[in-house]
Protein backbone atom coordinates (compact mmCIF):
# COMPACT_ATOMS: atom_id res chain seq x y z
CA MET A 1 -18.76 -3.77 -13.94
CA THR A 2 -20.65 -2.87 -17.10
CA ALA A 3 -17.53 -2.87 -19.30
CA PRO A 4 -14.36 -4.96 -19.33
CA VAL A 5 -11.41 -3.68 -17.35
CA GLN A 6 -8.74 -2.18 -19.63
CA VAL A 7 -6.03 -1.66 -17.01
CA LEU A 8 -5.25 -3.84 -13.99
CA LEU A 9 -3.17 -2.12 -11.33
CA PHE A 10 -1.44 -3.83 -8.43
CA ASP A 11 0.02 -2.86 -5.11
CA LEU A 12 3.56 -4.27 -4.87
CA ASP A 13 4.57 -5.20 -1.32
CA ASP A 14 2.60 -8.10 0.17
CA THR A 15 0.46 -8.24 -2.98
CA LEU A 16 2.96 -9.35 -5.63
CA MET A 17 6.19 -9.51 -3.62
CA ALA A 18 6.27 -11.33 -0.28
CA HIS A 19 7.45 -8.28 1.64
CA THR A 20 6.58 -9.43 5.16
CA ALA A 21 8.40 -12.74 4.73
CA ALA A 22 11.46 -10.91 3.35
CA VAL A 23 11.44 -8.44 6.25
CA GLU A 24 11.27 -11.26 8.78
CA ALA A 25 14.15 -13.14 7.16
CA ALA A 26 16.22 -9.96 7.11
CA ILE A 27 15.54 -8.97 10.73
CA ASP A 28 16.30 -12.51 11.89
CA ARG A 29 19.69 -12.24 10.18
CA ALA A 30 20.28 -8.76 11.62
CA ARG A 31 19.33 -9.85 15.14
CA GLU A 32 21.77 -12.75 15.00
CA ARG A 33 24.55 -10.51 13.67
CA ALA A 34 24.02 -8.11 16.57
CA GLY A 35 25.74 -10.67 18.75
CA ASP A 36 28.97 -10.39 16.76
CA ALA A 37 31.75 -8.01 17.76
CA GLY A 38 31.54 -4.88 15.64
CA PRO A 39 29.96 -1.45 15.32
CA TRP A 40 26.41 -2.70 15.97
CA HIS A 41 27.17 -5.06 18.84
CA ALA A 42 24.05 -5.37 20.97
CA ALA A 43 24.08 -8.52 23.06
CA ALA A 44 20.59 -7.88 24.42
CA LEU A 45 19.20 -7.58 20.90
CA ALA A 46 20.91 -10.79 19.80
CA ALA A 47 19.51 -12.64 22.82
CA ALA A 48 15.96 -11.32 22.44
CA ASP A 49 13.04 -13.49 21.42
CA PRO A 50 13.03 -13.69 17.60
CA ALA A 51 9.25 -13.46 17.32
CA ALA A 52 9.16 -10.38 19.55
CA ILE A 53 11.85 -8.68 17.48
CA ARG A 54 10.02 -9.46 14.25
CA ARG A 55 6.82 -7.94 15.61
CA ARG A 56 8.60 -4.88 16.98
CA TRP A 57 10.38 -4.34 13.65
CA HIS A 58 7.05 -4.48 11.82
CA GLU A 59 5.68 -1.91 14.28
CA LEU A 60 8.66 0.40 13.71
CA GLU A 61 8.33 0.02 9.95
CA HIS A 62 4.65 0.90 10.12
CA GLU A 63 5.23 3.86 12.43
CA HIS A 64 8.22 5.50 10.78
CA TYR A 65 7.50 4.67 7.15
CA HIS A 66 4.14 6.37 7.56
CA ARG A 67 5.94 9.38 9.02
CA TYR A 68 7.92 9.43 5.77
CA LEU A 69 4.78 9.09 3.67
CA SER A 70 3.19 11.99 5.55
CA GLY A 71 6.26 14.19 4.98
CA GLU A 72 7.34 14.27 8.61
CA LEU A 73 10.58 12.39 7.82
CA ASP A 74 12.61 12.12 4.64
CA TYR A 75 13.41 8.72 3.14
CA LEU A 76 16.72 8.27 4.94
CA GLY A 77 15.30 9.77 8.12
CA GLN A 78 12.74 6.99 8.47
CA ARG A 79 15.54 4.45 8.17
CA VAL A 80 17.50 6.20 10.92
CA ALA A 81 14.44 6.31 13.16
CA ARG A 82 13.65 2.62 12.72
CA ALA A 83 17.20 1.45 13.41
CA SER A 84 17.79 3.88 16.28
CA ASP A 85 14.59 2.94 18.07
CA LEU A 86 15.27 -0.79 17.79
CA PHE A 87 18.77 -0.52 19.20
CA ALA A 88 17.83 2.01 21.89
CA GLU A 89 15.30 -0.46 23.26
CA HIS A 90 18.21 -2.87 23.76
CA GLY A 91 20.62 -0.44 25.38
CA VAL A 92 22.63 0.75 22.38
CA THR A 93 22.64 4.30 20.99
CA LEU A 94 23.28 4.64 17.26
CA ASP A 95 24.19 7.98 15.72
CA GLU A 96 22.82 8.79 12.28
CA SER A 97 25.83 7.41 10.43
CA ALA A 98 25.81 4.12 12.36
CA ALA A 99 22.05 3.75 11.96
CA LEU A 100 22.25 4.18 8.19
CA ALA A 101 25.18 1.77 7.94
CA TRP A 102 23.28 -0.84 9.96
CA PHE A 103 20.20 -0.33 7.80
CA ASP A 104 22.28 -0.86 4.66
CA ASP A 105 23.46 -4.17 6.12
CA TYR A 106 19.87 -5.10 7.01
CA LEU A 107 18.87 -4.38 3.41
CA LEU A 108 21.34 -6.99 2.16
CA GLY A 109 19.28 -9.64 3.90
CA TYR A 110 16.01 -8.06 2.77
CA ARG A 111 17.06 -8.02 -0.89
CA ASP A 112 18.31 -11.60 -0.73
CA ALA A 113 14.86 -12.68 0.45
CA TRP A 114 12.80 -10.91 -2.24
CA ALA A 115 10.44 -13.35 -3.94
CA LEU A 116 7.09 -13.37 -5.69
CA PHE A 117 4.09 -15.07 -4.20
CA ASP A 118 3.46 -18.40 -5.93
CA ASP A 119 0.21 -17.22 -7.52
CA VAL A 120 1.63 -14.16 -9.33
CA LEU A 121 2.93 -15.57 -12.61
CA PRO A 122 0.10 -18.11 -13.09
CA ALA A 123 -2.40 -15.33 -12.36
CA LEU A 124 -0.85 -12.98 -14.93
CA ASP A 125 -1.05 -15.71 -17.56
CA ALA A 126 -4.67 -16.43 -16.65
CA ILE A 127 -5.61 -12.75 -16.72
CA GLU A 128 -4.11 -12.29 -20.18
CA ARG A 129 -6.06 -15.28 -21.45
CA ALA A 130 -9.30 -13.99 -19.94
CA ALA A 131 -8.81 -10.36 -20.95
CA PRO A 132 -6.67 -10.12 -24.10
CA GLY A 133 -5.03 -6.72 -24.50
CA ILE A 134 -5.27 -5.79 -20.83
CA ARG A 135 -2.46 -3.57 -19.57
CA PHE A 136 -0.76 -3.78 -16.19
CA GLY A 137 0.58 -1.23 -13.74
CA ILE A 138 1.84 -0.78 -10.21
CA ILE A 139 0.83 1.88 -7.69
CA THR A 140 3.12 1.78 -4.68
CA ASN A 141 3.62 3.91 -1.60
CA GLY A 142 7.38 3.88 -1.89
CA ASP A 143 10.56 5.32 -3.32
CA LEU A 144 10.71 5.10 -7.11
CA ALA A 145 14.34 3.96 -7.39
CA PHE A 146 14.00 1.37 -4.63
CA GLN A 147 10.79 -0.11 -6.01
CA THR A 148 12.21 -0.10 -9.54
CA ASP A 149 15.19 -2.12 -8.32
CA LYS A 150 12.81 -4.51 -6.58
CA LEU A 151 10.74 -5.04 -9.71
CA HIS A 152 13.85 -5.79 -11.75
CA ARG A 153 15.16 -8.25 -9.17
CA ILE A 154 11.91 -10.20 -8.96
CA ASP A 155 11.65 -10.25 -12.78
CA LEU A 156 8.42 -8.29 -13.05
CA TRP A 157 9.79 -5.18 -14.77
CA ASN A 158 9.78 -6.70 -18.23
CA ARG A 159 6.97 -9.18 -17.52
CA LEU A 160 4.65 -6.21 -16.90
CA ASP A 161 6.48 -4.05 -19.51
CA LEU A 162 6.82 -1.23 -16.97
CA THR A 163 8.12 2.31 -17.24
CA PRO A 164 8.03 5.08 -14.60
CA VAL A 165 5.51 7.90 -14.44
CA ARG A 166 7.07 11.19 -13.31
CA ALA A 167 5.76 13.96 -11.09
CA ASP A 168 5.04 16.14 -14.12
CA ALA A 169 2.97 13.26 -15.62
CA SER A 170 5.64 12.48 -18.22
CA ILE A 171 6.38 8.85 -19.02
CA ASP A 172 9.93 7.63 -19.44
CA ASP A 173 9.23 5.22 -22.31
CA ALA A 174 5.76 5.64 -23.75
CA ALA A 175 6.28 2.62 -26.03
CA ARG A 176 6.12 0.29 -23.04
CA ARG A 177 2.64 -0.86 -22.13
CA GLY A 178 2.84 -0.86 -18.33
CA ARG A 179 3.29 1.95 -15.83
CA LEU A 180 4.93 2.29 -12.41
CA ILE A 181 3.43 4.99 -10.21
CA ALA A 182 5.40 5.54 -7.00
CA SER A 183 4.32 7.95 -4.28
CA GLY A 184 7.90 9.09 -3.72
CA GLU A 185 7.93 10.46 -7.27
CA ILE A 186 4.31 11.59 -7.66
CA GLY A 187 4.21 13.38 -4.31
CA VAL A 188 0.95 11.92 -2.95
CA THR A 189 0.30 8.59 -1.25
CA LYS A 190 -2.47 6.03 -1.29
CA PRO A 191 -5.32 6.34 -0.41
CA ASP A 192 -5.27 9.92 -1.76
CA PRO A 193 -7.40 9.74 -4.94
CA ARG A 194 -4.84 11.82 -6.83
CA ILE A 195 -2.37 8.94 -7.07
CA PHE A 196 -5.04 6.67 -8.54
CA GLU A 197 -6.09 9.45 -10.91
CA ALA A 198 -2.46 9.89 -11.97
CA ALA A 199 -2.29 6.19 -12.78
CA ALA A 200 -5.42 6.26 -14.93
CA ALA A 201 -4.17 9.37 -16.74
CA ALA A 202 -0.82 7.70 -17.42
CA PHE A 203 -2.68 4.98 -19.33
CA GLY A 204 -4.95 7.50 -21.06
CA VAL A 205 -8.14 5.94 -19.68
CA ALA A 206 -10.85 6.87 -17.21
CA ALA A 207 -10.56 5.60 -13.65
CA SER A 208 -13.68 3.51 -14.28
CA ALA A 209 -11.71 1.49 -16.85
CA CYS A 210 -9.21 0.41 -14.17
CA ALA A 211 -9.18 -2.21 -11.46
CA TYR A 212 -6.79 -2.10 -8.53
CA VAL A 213 -5.89 -4.91 -6.15
CA GLY A 214 -3.91 -4.68 -2.93
CA ASP A 215 -3.52 -6.25 0.50
CA ARG A 216 -4.54 -3.18 2.48
CA LEU A 217 -8.26 -2.68 2.81
CA ARG A 218 -8.34 1.08 3.40
CA THR A 219 -5.19 2.15 1.56
CA ASP A 220 -5.65 -0.05 -1.48
CA ALA A 221 -9.15 -1.38 -2.09
CA LEU A 222 -11.23 1.43 -0.59
CA GLY A 223 -8.81 4.08 -1.85
CA ALA A 224 -9.12 2.80 -5.40
CA ARG A 225 -12.89 2.51 -5.18
CA ASP A 226 -13.21 6.04 -3.84
CA ALA A 227 -11.16 7.24 -6.84
CA GLY A 228 -13.61 5.60 -9.25
CA MET A 229 -11.82 2.32 -9.91
CA LEU A 230 -12.88 -1.23 -9.23
CA GLY A 231 -11.17 -1.82 -5.89
CA LEU A 232 -10.37 -5.37 -4.85
CA TRP A 233 -9.03 -6.42 -1.47
CA LEU A 234 -6.51 -9.26 -1.46
CA ASP A 235 -6.86 -11.15 1.80
CA ARG A 236 -4.02 -13.68 1.96
CA GLY A 237 -5.13 -14.86 5.39
CA ALA A 238 -2.21 -16.18 7.41
CA ALA A 239 0.25 -14.43 5.06
CA ARG A 240 -1.09 -11.00 6.05
CA ASN A 241 1.19 -8.69 7.98
CA ALA A 242 -0.08 -8.66 11.58
CA ILE A 243 0.49 -4.91 11.92
CA THR A 244 -1.20 -4.21 8.60
CA ASP A 245 -4.09 -6.41 9.68
CA VAL A 246 -4.70 -4.26 12.75
CA ALA A 247 -4.17 -0.95 10.95
CA GLU A 248 -6.04 -1.74 7.75
CA GLY A 249 -8.27 -4.76 8.29
CA THR A 250 -9.94 -4.85 11.67
CA ALA A 251 -10.11 -1.06 11.86
CA VAL A 252 -12.33 -0.89 8.75
CA GLU A 253 -15.43 -2.94 8.08
CA LEU A 254 -15.37 -4.69 4.71
CA PRO A 255 -18.24 -3.25 2.66
CA ALA A 256 -20.62 -5.90 1.37
CA ASP A 257 -20.19 -4.71 -2.21
CA LEU A 258 -16.37 -4.60 -2.18
CA PRO A 259 -14.86 -7.68 -3.86
CA CYS A 260 -12.44 -9.71 -1.78
CA VAL A 261 -10.09 -12.33 -3.23
CA THR A 262 -7.88 -14.74 -1.35
CA SER A 263 -5.58 -15.41 -4.32
CA LEU A 264 -4.62 -13.49 -7.44
CA LEU A 265 -5.84 -16.52 -9.37
CA GLU A 266 -9.38 -15.34 -8.59
CA LEU A 267 -8.91 -12.06 -10.47
CA PRO A 268 -10.02 -13.07 -14.00
CA ALA A 269 -13.60 -13.50 -12.83
CA HIS A 270 -13.70 -9.84 -11.77
CA LEU A 271 -12.29 -8.32 -14.94
CA THR A 272 -14.82 -9.15 -17.64
């Protein structure tokens, strides 16, 4: 970089928030509850190998959430598809209403498990010391309301001084310094360069003044670089989602000139 970074943008899930760990805690709870008498009773699901169910749930999330991102399913439809497929594989048919009700119960466990990675808050402090005046933002492939709730619950909303960016490029509270750009609101998903361009425009800077860090090689780091930003790949090693690793890591060769960090604490060195 020939000039300091003015805006540092983050992916949210599995970059700042430990999404995979929260999903696994929630599906473990849901699998155990499937053995109870009730509307979602599925003895075969309750008796299944926990590790196999975790992996299958990650696969269903990857498959059907990407159908939502591509426009094939709406937001609730991807939830129905994920729940229905899981139960069907264990001999239980859920109608749409039952699938959504089960998913709401699953989300209780998911929300209870939301937590930041240990390096997030120390890294933010270090970044602000290294780059005074830097502004922060989030670009997420997700629903605006859901991700806003998540950011409030993990205490990053005010820490990053966030406010949403709308589809018409308006900003809810222009006095706040940070920006939340969600694909569900903007209408395009990473790695489409338009979502990165929308983020830069929301800060009133060129894409070249921005850095973006995320756990997905193609969707995050390469997508940001192709849009003119400094793209950084966060490789958390054993903490990576196994399905993401196959879809985004091994399927794409890491370019020699693309920075890779193993902790957010390494970011200050790349910003000045």
